[in-house]
């Protein structure tokens, strides 16, 4: 293979082949160069290709089984979903609970990854819907969608989407919120002809709907502004404005997570304001006509972005 002056070397690995023949010293020098090139540049690339598929399988096995199942529910691409600003513009979710579910969905990369409470708060920021009352009420909303099995805990700080949660989020983004459909049907049933028997029944039911004073609600808290002092800072000519001021005070000053109709009734009583007979309807009008409130039921009344802005910038302040 070699004599005193000449040397011939041949190297082959799969499709890679190296062959050289000539002066012994030259051949040795070239081989050293080839060996350095092969070790530093070629070999790492070969190893990388060989490890790619096994590592993918390993990573897939490490992912939580529930997350794998959730990912399999829909194989939609990111481009299939509207950007969060478009969701806000179209006002697709109905109520804060659906908003939180959508934030979970987007924070999880549409059901493919885990997410944290901080990720949801960041979504509030990016959608320009962040208020102190929303942040204060986040824990309550998370507990509710956990109970509905839309999401689940992955560990102490992380959540993952469940298949049912992904399906519900998709319906909301398609404008098919079941809450909105239910609300529409309820409104239709609640508006019968005035002369009909069902109309009389609805009227008598409304009269039977009473309120009760919440004796545990402290509207003169130590170290904080009382509701009387707070409300006197504004000129309120209409009942929806009074309801807005009351809810704002309960959320932003007292920090109550879920304001209910009894809280509002108690505040009216404390302010010595005549409680209107149609208080339920007026609370609904403050949500539907003014857009100042958000709720699915009057057991969890939230302040909307428009409501917060109305108190800060639109309502006339007393001199």
Foldseek 3Di string as FASTA:
>chain_A
DADPFKDWDWDDDPPDIDIDIGGPVVVVVVVVVVVVCCVPPVVVVVVCVVVVVVVVVVVVVVPDPQLVVQCVLDVDDLVVFDDLLVCVVVVLDAFLLLLLLLQQCVQQVNQNHKHFPVSSQVSCVVNVWDDQLSNLQVVVSVVVVVVVQQWHDPDDTIIGGGNVSSVQNVCSRVSNHVLVVVVVVVVVQLDDDCPDPSNVVSVVVLQVDDEDADPPDDQPDPPFDGLLVQVLFFDDDDPLVLLLSQQCCCCVGVNDNFAAPNSSVNVCVVNVHDQDSVNVVSVVCNCPVVVQWGDSHRRGIGGGPSSVCCVVPNTHTDD
